[in-house]
N, C-alpha and C. Protein backbone atom coordinates (compact mmCIF):
# COMPACT_ATOMS: atom_id res chain seq x y z
N MET A 1 33.25 -33.64 -16.80
CA MET A 1 32.33 -34.04 -16.34
C MET A 1 32.19 -32.21 -15.00
N LYS A 2 33.36 -32.08 -14.32
CA LYS A 2 33.14 -31.16 -13.57
C LYS A 2 32.61 -29.70 -14.23
N ASN A 3 32.82 -29.63 -15.51
CA ASN A 3 32.48 -28.40 -16.70
C ASN A 3 31.17 -28.24 -16.94
N ILE A 4 30.88 -29.64 -17.30
CA ILE A 4 29.34 -29.92 -17.49
C ILE A 4 28.38 -28.94 -16.40
N LYS A 5 28.48 -29.85 -15.47
CA LYS A 5 28.21 -29.65 -14.02
C LYS A 5 27.83 -28.39 -13.64
N MET A 6 28.80 -27.73 -13.31
CA MET A 6 28.96 -26.03 -13.50
C MET A 6 28.14 -25.01 -14.72
N ILE A 7 28.00 -26.02 -16.10
CA ILE A 7 27.39 -24.96 -16.81
C ILE A 7 25.57 -25.38 -16.62
N ILE A 8 25.50 -26.81 -16.09
CA ILE A 8 24.43 -26.67 -16.28
C ILE A 8 24.05 -26.05 -14.94
N ALA A 9 24.87 -25.94 -13.55
CA ALA A 9 24.24 -25.10 -12.77
C ALA A 9 24.13 -23.76 -12.91
N LEU A 10 24.91 -23.36 -13.92
CA LEU A 10 24.73 -21.69 -14.22
C LEU A 10 23.51 -21.50 -15.20
N LEU A 11 23.42 -22.36 -16.09
CA LEU A 11 22.07 -22.38 -16.88
C LEU A 11 20.72 -22.42 -16.15
N CYS A 12 21.00 -23.60 -14.62
CA CYS A 12 19.81 -23.27 -13.67
C CYS A 12 19.78 -21.77 -13.46
N MET A 13 20.44 -21.32 -12.83
CA MET A 13 20.99 -19.85 -12.23
C MET A 13 20.01 -19.05 -13.13
N LEU A 14 20.52 -18.99 -14.36
CA LEU A 14 20.03 -17.92 -15.43
C LEU A 14 18.59 -18.41 -15.51
N SER A 15 18.09 -19.36 -15.57
CA SER A 15 16.94 -19.71 -15.98
C SER A 15 16.05 -19.35 -14.83
N ILE A 16 16.31 -19.36 -13.58
CA ILE A 16 16.02 -18.28 -12.18
C ILE A 16 15.62 -16.96 -12.26
N ALA A 17 16.76 -16.34 -12.78
CA ALA A 17 16.43 -15.25 -12.34
C ALA A 17 16.02 -14.55 -13.57
N ALA A 18 15.98 -15.33 -14.89
CA ALA A 18 15.18 -14.65 -16.04
C ALA A 18 13.58 -14.67 -15.90
N ASP A 19 13.14 -15.86 -14.93
CA ASP A 19 11.68 -15.86 -14.39
C ASP A 19 11.59 -14.87 -13.61
N VAL A 20 12.29 -14.64 -12.44
CA VAL A 20 11.99 -13.72 -11.49
C VAL A 20 12.00 -11.96 -12.20
N PHE A 21 12.61 -12.31 -13.10
CA PHE A 21 12.83 -10.63 -13.71
C PHE A 21 11.73 -10.25 -14.60
N ALA A 22 11.45 -11.83 -15.40
CA ALA A 22 9.71 -11.76 -15.82
C ALA A 22 8.81 -11.58 -15.15
N LYS A 23 8.76 -11.55 -14.16
CA LYS A 23 7.28 -11.64 -13.04
C LYS A 23 7.53 -10.38 -12.80
N LYS A 24 8.95 -9.57 -12.41
CA LYS A 24 8.83 -7.98 -12.20
C LYS A 24 8.47 -7.28 -13.07
N ALA A 25 8.21 -7.32 -14.39
CA ALA A 25 8.49 -6.56 -15.48
C ALA A 25 6.84 -6.84 -15.86
N ASN A 26 6.40 -8.20 -15.29
CA ASN A 26 4.88 -7.91 -15.79
C ASN A 26 3.81 -7.27 -14.53
N GLU A 27 4.25 -7.23 -13.48
CA GLU A 27 4.04 -6.39 -12.27
C GLU A 27 3.62 -4.73 -12.89
N ILE A 28 1.92 -4.43 -12.76
CA ILE A 28 1.57 -3.19 -12.89
C ILE A 28 1.47 -2.33 -12.14
N LEU A 29 2.21 -1.43 -11.69
CA LEU A 29 2.41 -0.36 -11.06
C LEU A 29 1.38 0.63 -11.35
N ILE A 30 0.23 0.62 -10.15
CA ILE A 30 -1.10 1.54 -10.50
C ILE A 30 -0.63 3.18 -9.17
N THR A 31 -1.10 3.96 -9.66
CA THR A 31 -0.97 5.16 -8.74
C THR A 31 -2.81 5.65 -8.60
N ASP A 32 -2.94 6.09 -7.64
CA ASP A 32 -4.80 6.03 -7.36
C ASP A 32 -4.13 7.80 -6.22
N THR A 33 -5.48 8.13 -6.35
CA THR A 33 -5.62 9.49 -5.41
C THR A 33 -7.15 9.41 -4.55
N ILE A 34 -6.91 9.14 -3.70
CA ILE A 34 -8.12 8.80 -2.55
C ILE A 34 -8.72 9.95 -1.75
N LYS A 35 -9.47 10.03 -1.37
CA LYS A 35 -9.77 11.41 -0.40
C LYS A 35 -10.08 11.00 1.06
N VAL A 36 -9.54 10.99 1.93
CA VAL A 36 -9.49 10.44 3.39
C VAL A 36 -9.33 11.67 4.06
N SER A 37 -9.95 11.11 4.87
CA SER A 37 -10.46 12.24 6.17
C SER A 37 -9.23 12.28 7.67
N GLY A 38 -8.82 13.96 8.05
CA GLY A 38 -7.85 13.52 9.01
C GLY A 38 -7.55 15.12 9.17
N ASN A 39 -6.75 15.25 10.27
CA ASN A 39 -6.38 16.80 10.70
C ASN A 39 -5.10 17.03 10.58
N CYS A 40 -4.06 16.02 10.97
CA CYS A 40 -2.84 16.38 10.98
C CYS A 40 -1.64 16.00 11.14
N ASP A 41 -0.41 15.87 11.56
CA ASP A 41 1.08 15.33 11.38
C ASP A 41 0.52 13.84 11.78
N MET A 42 -0.16 13.65 13.11
CA MET A 42 -0.12 12.13 13.18
C MET A 42 -1.06 11.52 12.53
N CYS A 43 -2.22 11.86 12.13
CA CYS A 43 -3.05 11.71 10.84
C CYS A 43 -2.44 10.99 9.92
N LYS A 44 -1.20 11.54 9.34
CA LYS A 44 -0.19 11.62 8.36
C LYS A 44 0.20 10.11 8.47
N ALA A 45 0.70 10.01 9.57
CA ALA A 45 1.57 9.07 10.17
C ALA A 45 1.11 7.49 10.04
N ASN A 46 -0.33 8.24 10.89
CA ASN A 46 -0.94 6.95 10.77
C ASN A 46 -1.35 6.13 9.76
N ILE A 47 -2.03 7.01 8.97
CA ILE A 47 -2.83 6.37 7.58
C ILE A 47 -1.69 5.64 6.64
N GLU A 48 -0.57 6.38 6.68
CA GLU A 48 0.75 5.64 5.75
C GLU A 48 1.24 4.98 6.28
N GLU A 49 1.47 4.68 7.95
CA GLU A 49 1.74 3.34 8.30
C GLU A 49 0.39 2.22 8.14
N ALA A 50 -0.56 2.79 8.10
CA ALA A 50 -1.49 1.74 7.94
C ALA A 50 -0.98 0.82 6.66
N LEU A 51 -0.73 1.69 5.43
CA LEU A 51 -0.68 1.29 4.33
C LEU A 51 0.94 0.36 4.17
N ASP A 52 1.46 0.32 4.78
CA ASP A 52 2.95 -0.38 4.95
C ASP A 52 2.72 -1.57 4.79
N ILE A 53 1.81 -2.18 4.05
CA ILE A 53 1.66 -3.37 3.65
C ILE A 53 2.24 -4.27 2.39
N LYS A 54 2.28 -5.55 2.33
CA LYS A 54 2.20 -5.91 1.14
C LYS A 54 1.46 -5.29 -0.22
N GLY A 55 1.98 -5.02 -1.44
CA GLY A 55 1.55 -5.07 -2.42
C GLY A 55 1.81 -3.13 -2.68
N VAL A 56 1.70 -2.56 -1.07
CA VAL A 56 1.58 -1.26 -1.28
C VAL A 56 3.22 -0.47 -1.52
N LYS A 57 3.79 0.41 -2.88
CA LYS A 57 5.10 0.72 -3.07
C LYS A 57 5.14 2.32 -2.27
N LYS A 58 4.26 2.67 -2.47
CA LYS A 58 4.52 4.42 -1.46
C LYS A 58 2.85 4.94 -1.19
N ALA A 59 2.54 5.24 -0.10
CA ALA A 59 1.61 5.80 0.48
C ALA A 59 2.16 7.34 0.92
N GLU A 60 1.70 8.27 0.34
CA GLU A 60 1.32 9.58 0.86
C GLU A 60 0.16 10.47 1.30
N TRP A 61 0.16 10.70 2.39
CA TRP A 61 -0.99 11.74 2.63
C TRP A 61 -1.08 12.97 3.16
N ASN A 62 -2.00 13.95 2.22
CA ASN A 62 -1.61 15.55 2.41
C ASN A 62 -2.29 15.87 3.47
N LYS A 63 -2.22 16.83 4.61
CA LYS A 63 -2.90 17.06 5.65
C LYS A 63 -4.12 18.09 4.81
N ASP A 64 -3.27 18.86 4.19
CA ASP A 64 -4.11 19.91 3.50
C ASP A 64 -5.46 20.01 2.49
N THR A 65 -4.85 18.94 1.93
CA THR A 65 -5.40 18.60 0.70
C THR A 65 -6.90 17.36 0.86
N LYS A 66 -6.24 16.54 2.34
CA LYS A 66 -6.87 15.23 2.46
C LYS A 66 -6.99 14.48 1.14
N ILE A 67 -5.75 14.75 0.26
CA ILE A 67 -5.66 13.58 -0.62
C ILE A 67 -4.52 12.60 -0.21
N LEU A 68 -4.85 11.20 -0.41
CA LEU A 68 -3.72 9.96 -0.30
C LEU A 68 -3.46 10.08 -1.80
N ILE A 69 -2.13 9.80 -1.78
CA ILE A 69 -1.52 9.38 -3.23
C ILE A 69 -0.86 8.00 -2.72
N VAL A 70 -1.44 6.79 -3.76
CA VAL A 70 -0.82 5.68 -3.40
C VAL A 70 -0.63 4.82 -4.20
N SER A 71 0.89 4.13 -4.78
CA SER A 71 0.91 3.14 -5.81
C SER A 71 1.36 1.68 -4.85
N TYR A 72 0.97 1.19 -6.39
CA TYR A 72 0.50 0.02 -5.58
C TYR A 72 0.77 -1.10 -7.18
N TYR A 73 0.93 -2.46 -6.55
CA TYR A 73 0.95 -3.25 -7.38
C TYR A 73 -0.75 -4.02 -7.59
N ALA A 74 -0.94 -4.12 -8.55
CA ALA A 74 -1.95 -4.88 -8.95
C ALA A 74 -2.30 -6.22 -8.77
N SER A 75 -1.71 -6.80 -9.07
CA SER A 75 -1.29 -8.29 -8.61
C SER A 75 -1.40 -8.52 -7.17
N LYS A 76 -1.28 -8.00 -6.65
CA LYS A 76 -0.85 -7.90 -4.88
C LYS A 76 -2.32 -7.38 -4.25
N ILE A 77 -2.85 -6.08 -4.90
CA ILE A 77 -3.96 -5.55 -3.48
C ILE A 77 -4.48 -4.73 -4.60
N ASN A 78 -5.86 -4.01 -3.99
CA ASN A 78 -6.68 -3.10 -5.14
C ASN A 78 -6.78 -2.05 -4.34
N ASN A 79 -7.61 -1.07 -4.89
CA ASN A 79 -7.92 -0.17 -4.40
C ASN A 79 -8.87 -0.17 -3.58
N GLU A 80 -9.74 -1.01 -3.34
CA GLU A 80 -10.65 -1.21 -2.04
C GLU A 80 -10.21 -1.79 -0.86
N THR A 81 -8.73 -2.67 -0.88
CA THR A 81 -8.65 -3.21 -0.05
C THR A 81 -7.68 -1.76 0.51
N ILE A 82 -7.22 -1.24 0.03
CA ILE A 82 -6.18 -0.05 0.32
C ILE A 82 -7.41 0.88 1.10
N GLN A 83 -8.38 0.94 0.84
CA GLN A 83 -9.58 2.06 1.36
C GLN A 83 -9.76 1.17 2.87
N HIS A 84 -10.08 -0.21 2.62
CA HIS A 84 -10.28 -1.10 3.85
C HIS A 84 -9.26 -0.59 4.86
N LYS A 85 -8.33 -1.10 4.59
CA LYS A 85 -6.83 -0.53 5.46
C LYS A 85 -6.81 1.08 6.15
N VAL A 86 -7.28 1.72 5.42
CA VAL A 86 -7.78 3.21 5.72
C VAL A 86 -8.02 3.10 6.78
N ALA A 87 -9.45 2.69 6.38
CA ALA A 87 -10.82 2.77 7.36
C ALA A 87 -10.67 2.01 8.63
N ASP A 88 -9.80 0.94 8.58
CA ASP A 88 -9.65 -0.11 9.81
C ASP A 88 -8.94 0.76 10.65
N ALA A 89 -7.89 1.31 10.24
CA ALA A 89 -7.51 2.68 10.85
C ALA A 89 -8.05 4.09 10.91
N GLY A 90 -8.92 3.66 11.67
CA GLY A 90 -9.71 4.80 12.09
C GLY A 90 -10.08 5.80 10.52
N TYR A 91 -10.09 6.33 9.94
CA TYR A 91 -10.11 7.19 9.00
C TYR A 91 -11.26 6.79 7.67
N ASP A 92 -12.13 7.81 7.59
CA ASP A 92 -12.82 7.71 6.20
C ASP A 92 -12.26 7.89 5.05
N THR A 93 -12.50 7.19 3.99
CA THR A 93 -12.36 7.29 2.77
C THR A 93 -13.40 7.60 1.71
N GLU A 94 -12.89 7.73 0.36
CA GLU A 94 -14.64 8.04 -0.45
C GLU A 94 -15.17 6.62 -0.41
N LYS A 95 -14.97 5.47 0.11
CA LYS A 95 -15.65 4.22 -0.16
C LYS A 95 -16.33 4.03 0.98
N PHE A 96 -15.35 3.99 2.26
CA PHE A 96 -15.75 3.40 3.40
C PHE A 96 -15.62 4.05 4.60
N LYS A 97 -16.36 4.06 5.71
CA LYS A 97 -16.59 5.09 6.79
C LYS A 97 -15.94 3.78 8.03
N ALA A 98 -14.96 4.55 8.53
CA ALA A 98 -14.27 3.94 9.67
C ALA A 98 -15.14 3.59 10.59
N ASN A 99 -14.96 2.29 11.62
CA ASN A 99 -16.42 1.55 12.23
C ASN A 99 -15.95 3.01 13.67
N VAL A 100 -17.39 2.62 14.11
CA VAL A 100 -16.90 3.94 15.58
C VAL A 100 -15.88 3.59 16.15
N ALA A 101 -15.85 2.66 16.60
CA ALA A 101 -14.29 1.99 17.84
C ALA A 101 -13.18 2.40 16.82
N ALA A 102 -12.67 2.10 15.97
CA ALA A 102 -11.27 2.61 15.28
C ALA A 102 -11.27 4.25 15.04
N TYR A 103 -12.21 5.07 15.46
CA TYR A 103 -12.34 6.00 14.70
C TYR A 103 -12.03 6.67 16.43
N ASP A 104 -12.81 6.18 17.78
CA ASP A 104 -12.93 6.30 19.01
C ASP A 104 -11.69 6.64 19.33
N LYS A 105 -10.48 5.39 19.03
CA LYS A 105 -9.14 4.86 19.19
C LYS A 105 -8.71 6.16 18.99
N LEU A 106 -8.69 6.99 18.25
CA LEU A 106 -7.72 8.04 17.38
C LEU A 106 -7.51 8.85 18.37
N HIS A 107 -6.18 9.70 18.42
CA HIS A 107 -6.14 10.57 19.09
C HIS A 107 -7.00 11.80 19.47
N ALA A 108 -7.28 12.72 20.44
CA ALA A 108 -7.75 14.24 20.08
C ALA A 108 -7.99 15.02 18.89
N CYS A 109 -6.55 15.10 18.90
CA CYS A 109 -6.19 16.18 17.36
C CYS A 109 -6.50 15.41 16.22
N CYS A 110 -6.93 14.30 16.39
CA CYS A 110 -6.91 13.09 15.28
C CYS A 110 -8.26 13.14 14.31
N LYS A 111 -9.38 13.52 15.42
CA LYS A 111 -10.57 13.52 15.14
C LYS A 111 -11.23 14.05 14.13
N TYR A 112 -11.46 14.05 13.13
CA TYR A 112 -11.72 14.63 12.39
C TYR A 112 -13.38 14.81 12.26
N GLU A 113 -14.11 16.09 11.79
CA GLU A 113 -15.47 16.54 11.82
C GLU A 113 -15.79 15.12 10.81
N ARG A 114 -17.11 14.35 11.57
CA ARG A 114 -17.40 13.08 10.36
C ARG A 114 -18.67 13.42 9.36
N LYS A 115 -19.10 12.80 8.32
CA LYS A 115 -20.40 13.41 7.60
C LYS A 115 -21.23 12.21 8.34
């Protein structure tokens, strides 16, 4: 009887592990490039920190090219939400302008020329 209980418990654990693995395997990782306004290393830190959120695997902004490369799980977040998060941090993106209050909170060196 004890062996049967152990076998059942083991099968349950294997079933749960297989389910978790299947869910991870079905997650689609997307990598996008997004134009984001900014000037300096502080901007880089702020932009990347704004994307330290569920669903984003990696975000890297280049201050010279003004390009954000972001990898994210399509089942958890999308490009539009990512751009909203960046704009909420004070930085204009391809689709969204940061609101004036968010832009005004940026450090002086981070205040890029707005179009």
